Amino acid sequence: MRKIVVLTFVSLDGVMQAPGGPEEDPQGGFAFGGWTVPYFDEEGGKVMGEQMAVPFDLLLGRTTYDLFASYWPDHNEEGASLNKATKYVVSHEDRKLGWEPSQLITGDVVAGIRAVKNRVGPMLQVHGSSNLIQTLLQNDLVDELWLKIFPVVLGSGKRLFGDGTRPAAFRLVSSTTTPSGVVIASYARAGDVQTGSFA
């Protein structure tokens, strides 16, 4: 079974919307597009390069697929691993996919994602795709979270853990902090939430 790994930039208050630029996703009047840019440094770039160097395919929502497809095919030197990966695209509508190799998951998307997860192949990396991530979290389909936690509070915007997230425990696999204060932490799924009492 393949792992589904969510790679996400997230603020201290859990916002993941439009990390890369003002025009990326202004939905809902979000005014802070590009909030990660001032914090990028050499150490953060190194870790991201390592995470993108492992074998992977992509599991993407339609909006993120369209955003990536408009950019990465023309930037193969930096995006070779993305261009080479099979892109599994979750959409509620039948549509043509031009960024090859790509496959559409439509209809019963949860069943479709499970079918792809059960195939032999490399890990499935999820980038962006905030709506898709909510579906994955609600259906306990996330195996690992590779988070970049930025030292900024945004107040509003699309959140990594929205309403309906299924309770779950994770264990810390690795962590480091960049000179600019970004905490890079990887977590693996670790069973059910455990509770106790200090009484």
C-alpha atoms as a PDB file:
ATOM      1  CA  MET A   1       0.000   0.000   0.000  1.00  0.00           C
ATOM      2  CA  ARG A   2       1.288   3.444  -0.905  1.00  0.00           C
ATOM      3  CA  LYS A   3       1.666   6.202   1.662  1.00  0.00           C
ATOM      4  CA  ILE A   4      -0.220   9.461   1.241  1.00  0.00           C
ATOM      5  CA  VAL A   5       2.037  12.275   2.453  1.00  0.00           C
ATOM      6  CA  VAL A   6       0.741  15.833   2.858  1.00  0.00           C
ATOM      7  CA  LEU A   7       3.421  18.511   2.361  1.00  0.00           C
ATOM      8  CA  THR A   8       2.100  21.835   3.607  1.00  0.00           C
ATOM      9  CA  PHE A   9       3.221  25.342   4.496  1.00  0.00           C
ATOM     10  CA  VAL A  10       1.186  26.395   7.528  1.00  0.00           C
ATOM     11  CA  SER A  11       1.011  29.473   9.769  1.00  0.00           C
ATOM     12  CA  LEU A  12       1.064  29.294  13.560  1.00  0.00           C
ATOM     13  CA  ASP A  13      -2.722  29.558  13.552  1.00  0.00           C
ATOM     14  CA  GLY A  14      -3.147  26.775  11.016  1.00  0.00           C
ATOM     15  CA  VAL A  15      -3.695  28.712   7.772  1.00  0.00           C
ATOM     16  CA  MET A  16      -2.361  27.167   4.548  1.00  0.00           C
ATOM     17  CA  GLN A  17      -3.964  29.445   1.938  1.00  0.00           C
ATOM     18  CA  ALA A  18      -1.886  31.103  -0.803  1.00  0.00           C
ATOM     19  CA  PRO A  19       1.604  30.677   0.637  1.00  0.00           C
ATOM     20  CA  GLY A  20       3.396  31.438  -2.619  1.00  0.00           C
ATOM     21  CA  GLY A  21       2.046  34.732  -3.929  1.00  0.00           C
ATOM     22  CA  PRO A  22      -0.704  37.380  -3.884  1.00  0.00           C
ATOM     23  CA  GLU A  23      -2.531  35.975  -6.916  1.00  0.00           C
ATOM     24  CA  GLU A  24      -2.298  32.319  -5.913  1.00  0.00           C
ATOM     25  CA  ASP A  25      -5.645  32.081  -4.084  1.00  0.00           C
ATOM     26  CA  PRO A  26      -7.422  35.312  -3.076  1.00  0.00           C
ATOM     27  CA  GLN A  27     -10.679  33.433  -2.407  1.00  0.00           C
ATOM     28  CA  GLY A  28     -12.673  34.818   0.513  1.00  0.00           C
ATOM     29  CA  GLY A  29     -10.797  38.119   0.292  1.00  0.00           C
ATOM     30  CA  PHE A  30      -7.563  36.562   1.609  1.00  0.00           C
ATOM     31  CA  ALA A  31      -5.094  39.465   1.736  1.00  0.00           C
ATOM     32  CA  PHE A  32      -1.825  37.781   2.727  1.00  0.00           C
ATOM     33  CA  GLY A  33      -0.889  35.756  -0.354  1.00  0.00           C
ATOM     34  CA  GLY A  34       2.856  35.107  -0.376  1.00  0.00           C
ATOM     35  CA  TRP A  35       3.199  35.041   3.420  1.00  0.00           C
ATOM     36  CA  THR A  36       5.951  32.380   3.310  1.00  0.00           C
ATOM     37  CA  VAL A  37       8.279  34.265   0.964  1.00  0.00           C
ATOM     38  CA  PRO A  38      10.098  36.447   3.551  1.00  0.00           C
ATOM     39  CA  TYR A  39      11.055  33.347   5.546  1.00  0.00           C
ATOM     40  CA  PHE A  40      12.631  31.234   2.812  1.00  0.00           C
ATOM     41  CA  ASP A  41      16.327  30.572   3.315  1.00  0.00           C
ATOM     42  CA  GLU A  42      19.006  28.135   2.214  1.00  0.00           C
ATOM     43  CA  GLU A  43      18.259  25.591   4.952  1.00  0.00           C
ATOM     44  CA  GLY A  44      14.555  25.474   4.089  1.00  0.00           C
ATOM     45  CA  GLY A  45      15.368  25.085   0.409  1.00  0.00           C
ATOM     46  CA  LYS A  46      17.724  22.209   1.188  1.00  0.00           C
ATOM     47  CA  VAL A  47      15.063  20.287   3.127  1.00  0.00           C
ATOM     48  CA  MET A  48      12.489  20.863   0.409  1.00  0.00           C
ATOM     49  CA  GLY A  49      14.961  19.613  -2.179  1.00  0.00           C
ATOM     50  CA  GLU A  50      15.516  16.439  -0.171  1.00  0.00           C
ATOM     51  CA  GLN A  51      11.776  15.841   0.148  1.00  0.00           C
ATOM     52  CA  MET A  52      11.299  16.294  -3.596  1.00  0.00           C
ATOM     53  CA  ALA A  53      14.226  13.999  -4.436  1.00  0.00           C
ATOM     54  CA  VAL A  54      12.542  10.801  -3.189  1.00  0.00           C
ATOM     55  CA  PRO A  55      10.408   8.799  -5.663  1.00  0.00           C
ATOM     56  CA  PHE A  56       6.801  10.044  -5.636  1.00  0.00           C
ATOM     57  CA  ASP A  57       3.626  10.531  -7.599  1.00  0.00           C
ATOM     58  CA  LEU A  58       1.246  13.425  -7.004  1.00  0.00           C
ATOM     59  CA  LEU A  59      -2.286  13.450  -5.619  1.00  0.00           C
ATOM     60  CA  LEU A  60      -3.788  16.867  -6.340  1.00  0.00           C
ATOM     61  CA  GLY A  61      -7.036  18.774  -6.237  1.00  0.00           C
ATOM     62  CA  ARG A  62      -8.215  20.344  -9.472  1.00  0.00           C
ATOM     63  CA  THR A  63      -7.258  23.929  -8.578  1.00  0.00           C
ATOM     64  CA  THR A  64      -3.701  23.036  -7.538  1.00  0.00           C
ATOM     65  CA  TYR A  65      -3.323  20.829 -10.624  1.00  0.00           C
ATOM     66  CA  ASP A  66      -4.297  23.743 -12.876  1.00  0.00           C
ATOM     67  CA  LEU A  67      -1.902  26.075 -11.040  1.00  0.00           C
ATOM     68  CA  PHE A  68       1.000  23.615 -11.313  1.00  0.00           C
ATOM     69  CA  ALA A  69       0.182  22.696 -14.930  1.00  0.00           C
ATOM     70  CA  SER A  70       0.381  26.357 -15.945  1.00  0.00           C
ATOM     71  CA  TYR A  71       3.901  26.689 -14.528  1.00  0.00           C
ATOM     72  CA  TRP A  72       5.979  23.543 -14.123  1.00  0.00           C
ATOM     73  CA  PRO A  73       6.032  22.173 -17.696  1.00  0.00           C
ATOM     74  CA  ASP A  74       7.938  25.339 -18.691  1.00  0.00           C
ATOM     75  CA  HIS A  75      10.371  25.042 -15.768  1.00  0.00           C
ATOM     76  CA  ASN A  76      11.644  21.502 -16.083  1.00  0.00           C
ATOM     77  CA  GLU A  77      15.074  22.230 -14.637  1.00  0.00           C
ATOM     78  CA  GLU A  78      13.601  22.988 -11.189  1.00  0.00           C
ATOM     79  CA  GLY A  79      10.458  20.895 -11.586  1.00  0.00           C
ATOM     80  CA  ALA A  80      11.708  17.712 -13.232  1.00  0.00           C
ATOM     81  CA  SER A  81      10.408  15.469 -10.440  1.00  0.00           C
ATOM     82  CA  LEU A  82       6.947  17.081 -10.631  1.00  0.00           C
ATOM     83  CA  ASN A  83       6.810  16.813 -14.409  1.00  0.00           C
ATOM     84  CA  LYS A  84       7.888  13.163 -14.346  1.00  0.00           C
ATOM     85  CA  ALA A  85       5.465  12.114 -11.596  1.00  0.00           C
ATOM     86  CA  THR A  86       2.072  10.627 -12.410  1.00  0.00           C
ATOM     87  CA  LYS A  87      -0.534  13.201 -11.388  1.00  0.00           C
ATOM     88  CA  TYR A  88      -3.746  11.783  -9.882  1.00  0.00           C
ATOM     89  CA  VAL A  89      -6.269  14.608 -10.044  1.00  0.00           C
ATOM     90  CA  VAL A  90      -9.384  14.647  -7.872  1.00  0.00           C
ATOM     91  CA  SER A  91     -12.298  16.475  -9.487  1.00  0.00           C
ATOM     92  CA  HIS A  92     -16.068  16.396  -9.201  1.00  0.00           C
ATOM     93  CA  GLU A  93     -16.318  17.072 -12.937  1.00  0.00           C
ATOM     94  CA  ASP A  94     -15.066  15.107 -15.925  1.00  0.00           C
ATOM     95  CA  ARG A  95     -12.322  17.107 -17.610  1.00  0.00           C
ATOM     96  CA  LYS A  96      -9.329  16.877 -19.905  1.00  0.00           C
ATOM     97  CA  LEU A  97      -5.889  16.759 -18.318  1.00  0.00           C
ATOM     98  CA  GLY A  98      -3.058  18.151 -20.402  1.00  0.00           C
ATOM     99  CA  TRP A  99      -0.065  17.836 -18.048  1.00  0.00           C
ATOM    100  CA  GLU A 100       1.080  14.301 -18.683  1.00  0.00           C
ATOM    101  CA  PRO A 101       1.215  11.751 -17.229  1.00  0.00           C
ATOM    102  CA  SER A 102      -2.115  12.442 -15.466  1.00  0.00           C
ATOM    103  CA  GLN A 103      -5.141  10.407 -14.400  1.00  0.00           C
ATOM    104  CA  LEU A 104      -8.523  11.745 -13.299  1.00  0.00           C
ATOM    105  CA  ILE A 105     -10.273  10.580 -10.130  1.00  0.00           C
ATOM    106  CA  THR A 106     -13.955  11.496 -10.292  1.00  0.00           C
ATOM    107  CA  GLY A 107     -17.298  10.131  -9.144  1.00  0.00           C
ATOM    108  CA  ASP A 108     -16.802   8.454  -5.757  1.00  0.00           C
ATOM    109  CA  VAL A 109     -13.513  10.211  -5.095  1.00  0.00           C
ATOM    110  CA  VAL A 110     -12.841   8.508  -1.740  1.00  0.00           C
ATOM    111  CA  ALA A 111     -13.132   5.076  -3.367  1.00  0.00           C
ATOM    112  CA  GLY A 112     -10.954   6.297  -6.232  1.00  0.00           C
ATOM    113  CA  ILE A 113      -8.269   7.569  -3.865  1.00  0.00           C
ATOM    114  CA  ARG A 114      -8.327   4.295  -1.929  1.00  0.00           C
ATOM    115  CA  ALA A 115      -7.889   2.370  -5.197  1.00  0.00           C
ATOM    116  CA  VAL A 116      -4.856   4.459  -6.163  1.00  0.00           C
ATOM    117  CA  LYS A 117      -3.428   4.110  -2.634  1.00  0.00           C
ATOM    118  CA  ASN A 118      -3.732   0.326  -2.878  1.00  0.00           C
ATOM    119  CA  ARG A 119      -1.735   0.139  -6.107  1.00  0.00           C
ATOM    120  CA  VAL A 120       1.964  -0.663  -6.181  1.00  0.00           C
ATOM    121  CA  GLY A 121       3.991   2.490  -6.632  1.00  0.00           C
ATOM    122  CA  PRO A 122       5.874   5.312  -4.907  1.00  0.00           C
ATOM    123  CA  MET A 123       4.409   7.525  -2.203  1.00  0.00           C
ATOM    124  CA  LEU A 124       1.641   9.958  -3.143  1.00  0.00           C
ATOM    125  CA  GLN A 125       2.607  13.525  -2.270  1.00  0.00           C
ATOM    126  CA  VAL A 126      -0.152  16.096  -1.760  1.00  0.00           C
ATOM    127  CA  HIS A 127       0.800  19.735  -2.371  1.00  0.00           C
ATOM    128  CA  GLY A 128      -1.630  22.630  -1.880  1.00  0.00           C
ATOM    129  CA  SER A 129      -5.080  21.110  -2.514  1.00  0.00           C
ATOM    130  CA  SER A 130      -6.779  22.396   0.656  1.00  0.00           C
ATOM    131  CA  ASN A 131     -10.202  20.925  -0.189  1.00  0.00           C
ATOM    132  CA  LEU A 132      -8.675  17.550  -1.042  1.00  0.00           C
ATOM    133  CA  ILE A 133      -6.742  17.533   2.243  1.00  0.00           C
ATOM    134  CA  GLN A 134     -10.024  17.964   4.141  1.00  0.00           C
ATOM    135  CA  THR A 135     -11.413  14.877   2.371  1.00  0.00           C
ATOM    136  CA  LEU A 136      -8.265  12.906   3.187  1.00  0.00           C
ATOM    137  CA  LEU A 137      -8.332  13.913   6.876  1.00  0.00           C
ATOM    138  CA  GLN A 138     -12.038  13.170   7.228  1.00  0.00           C
ATOM    139  CA  ASN A 139     -11.515   9.661   5.819  1.00  0.00           C
ATOM    140  CA  ASP A 140      -8.264   8.801   7.668  1.00  0.00           C
ATOM    141  CA  LEU A 141      -6.258   8.589   4.446  1.00  0.00           C
ATOM    142  CA  VAL A 142      -3.214  10.646   5.508  1.00  0.00           C
ATOM    143  CA  ASP A 143      -0.192   8.540   6.492  1.00  0.00           C
ATOM    144  CA  GLU A 144       2.297  11.348   7.079  1.00  0.00           C
ATOM    145  CA  LEU A 145       2.326  15.137   7.463  1.00  0.00           C
ATOM    146  CA  TRP A 146       5.462  16.974   6.320  1.00  0.00           C
ATOM    147  CA  LEU A 147       4.849  20.447   7.717  1.00  0.00           C
ATOM    148  CA  LYS A 148       6.702  23.743   7.368  1.00  0.00           C
ATOM    149  CA  ILE A 149       5.380  25.875  10.241  1.00  0.00           C
ATOM    150  CA  PHE A 150       6.003  29.591   9.710  1.00  0.00           C
ATOM    151  CA  PRO A 151       6.294  32.135  12.564  1.00  0.00           C
ATOM    152  CA  VAL A 152       3.318  34.211  11.502  1.00  0.00           C
ATOM    153  CA  VAL A 153      -0.346  34.468  12.546  1.00  0.00           C
ATOM    154  CA  LEU A 154      -2.772  35.245   9.711  1.00  0.00           C
ATOM    155  CA  GLY A 155      -6.111  35.323  11.495  1.00  0.00           C
ATOM    156  CA  SER A 156      -8.243  33.953   8.669  1.00  0.00           C
ATOM    157  CA  GLY A 157      -7.978  31.800   5.570  1.00  0.00           C
ATOM    158  CA  LYS A 158      -8.208  28.165   4.561  1.00  0.00           C
ATOM    159  CA  ARG A 159      -6.945  25.970   7.372  1.00  0.00           C
ATOM    160  CA  LEU A 160      -5.028  22.719   7.314  1.00  0.00           C
ATOM    161  CA  PHE A 161      -7.342  21.129   9.892  1.00  0.00           C
ATOM    162  CA  GLY A 162     -10.902  22.170   9.111  1.00  0.00           C
ATOM    163  CA  ASP A 163     -14.244  21.183  10.564  1.00  0.00           C
ATOM    164  CA  GLY A 164     -14.803  17.450  10.207  1.00  0.00           C
ATOM    165  CA  THR A 165     -11.169  16.400  10.644  1.00  0.00           C
ATOM    166  CA  ARG A 166     -11.153  12.898  12.108  1.00  0.00           C
ATOM    167  CA  PRO A 167      -9.411  12.626  15.505  1.00  0.00           C
ATOM    168  CA  ALA A 168      -6.060  10.874  15.078  1.00  0.00           C
ATOM    169  CA  ALA A 169      -2.691  10.585  16.803  1.00  0.00           C
ATOM    170  CA  PHE A 170       0.611  11.252  15.062  1.00  0.00           C
ATOM    171  CA  ARG A 171       4.207  10.736  16.186  1.00  0.00           C
ATOM    172  CA  LEU A 172       7.072  13.084  15.434  1.00  0.00           C
ATOM    173  CA  VAL A 173       9.523  11.487  12.996  1.00  0.00           C
ATOM    174  CA  SER A 174      11.933  14.377  12.480  1.00  0.00           C
ATOM    175  CA  SER A 175      12.213  18.107  13.074  1.00  0.00           C
ATOM    176  CA  THR A 176      14.544  20.995  12.456  1.00  0.00           C
ATOM    177  CA  THR A 177      14.358  24.776  12.586  1.00  0.00           C
ATOM    178  CA  THR A 178      15.666  27.076   9.866  1.00  0.00           C
ATOM    179  CA  PRO A 179      17.595  30.293  10.621  1.00  0.00           C
ATOM    180  CA  SER A 180      14.483  32.301   9.701  1.00  0.00           C
ATOM    181  CA  GLY A 181      12.429  30.471  12.341  1.00  0.00           C
ATOM    182  CA  VAL A 182      10.493  27.985  10.230  1.00  0.00           C
ATOM    183  CA  VAL A 183       9.902  24.705  12.057  1.00  0.00           C
ATOM    184  CA  ILE A 184      10.107  21.775   9.653  1.00  0.00           C
ATOM    185  CA  ALA A 185       8.441  18.767  11.254  1.00  0.00           C
ATOM    186  CA  SER A 186       7.396  15.398   9.875  1.00  0.00           C
ATOM    187  CA  TYR A 187       4.726  13.298  11.571  1.00  0.00           C
ATOM    188  CA  ALA A 188       3.537   9.734  10.945  1.00  0.00           C
ATOM    189  CA  ARG A 189       0.070   8.380  11.724  1.00  0.00           C
ATOM    190  CA  ALA A 190       0.096   6.636  15.116  1.00  0.00           C
ATOM    191  CA  GLY A 191      -3.284   5.148  15.977  1.00  0.00           C
ATOM    192  CA  ASP A 192      -6.084   6.685  17.985  1.00  0.00           C
ATOM    193  CA  VAL A 193      -6.027   9.698  20.275  1.00  0.00           C
ATOM    194  CA  GLN A 194      -5.095   8.658  23.810  1.00  0.00           C
ATOM    195  CA  THR A 195      -6.373  10.530  26.883  1.00  0.00           C
ATOM    196  CA  GLY A 196      -5.548  10.509  30.582  1.00  0.00           C
ATOM    197  CA  SER A 197      -5.794  12.530  33.753  1.00  0.00           C
ATOM    198  CA  PHE A 198      -3.332  14.359  35.995  1.00  0.00           C
ATOM    199  CA  ALA A 199      -5.684  13.854  38.972  1.00  0.00           C
END
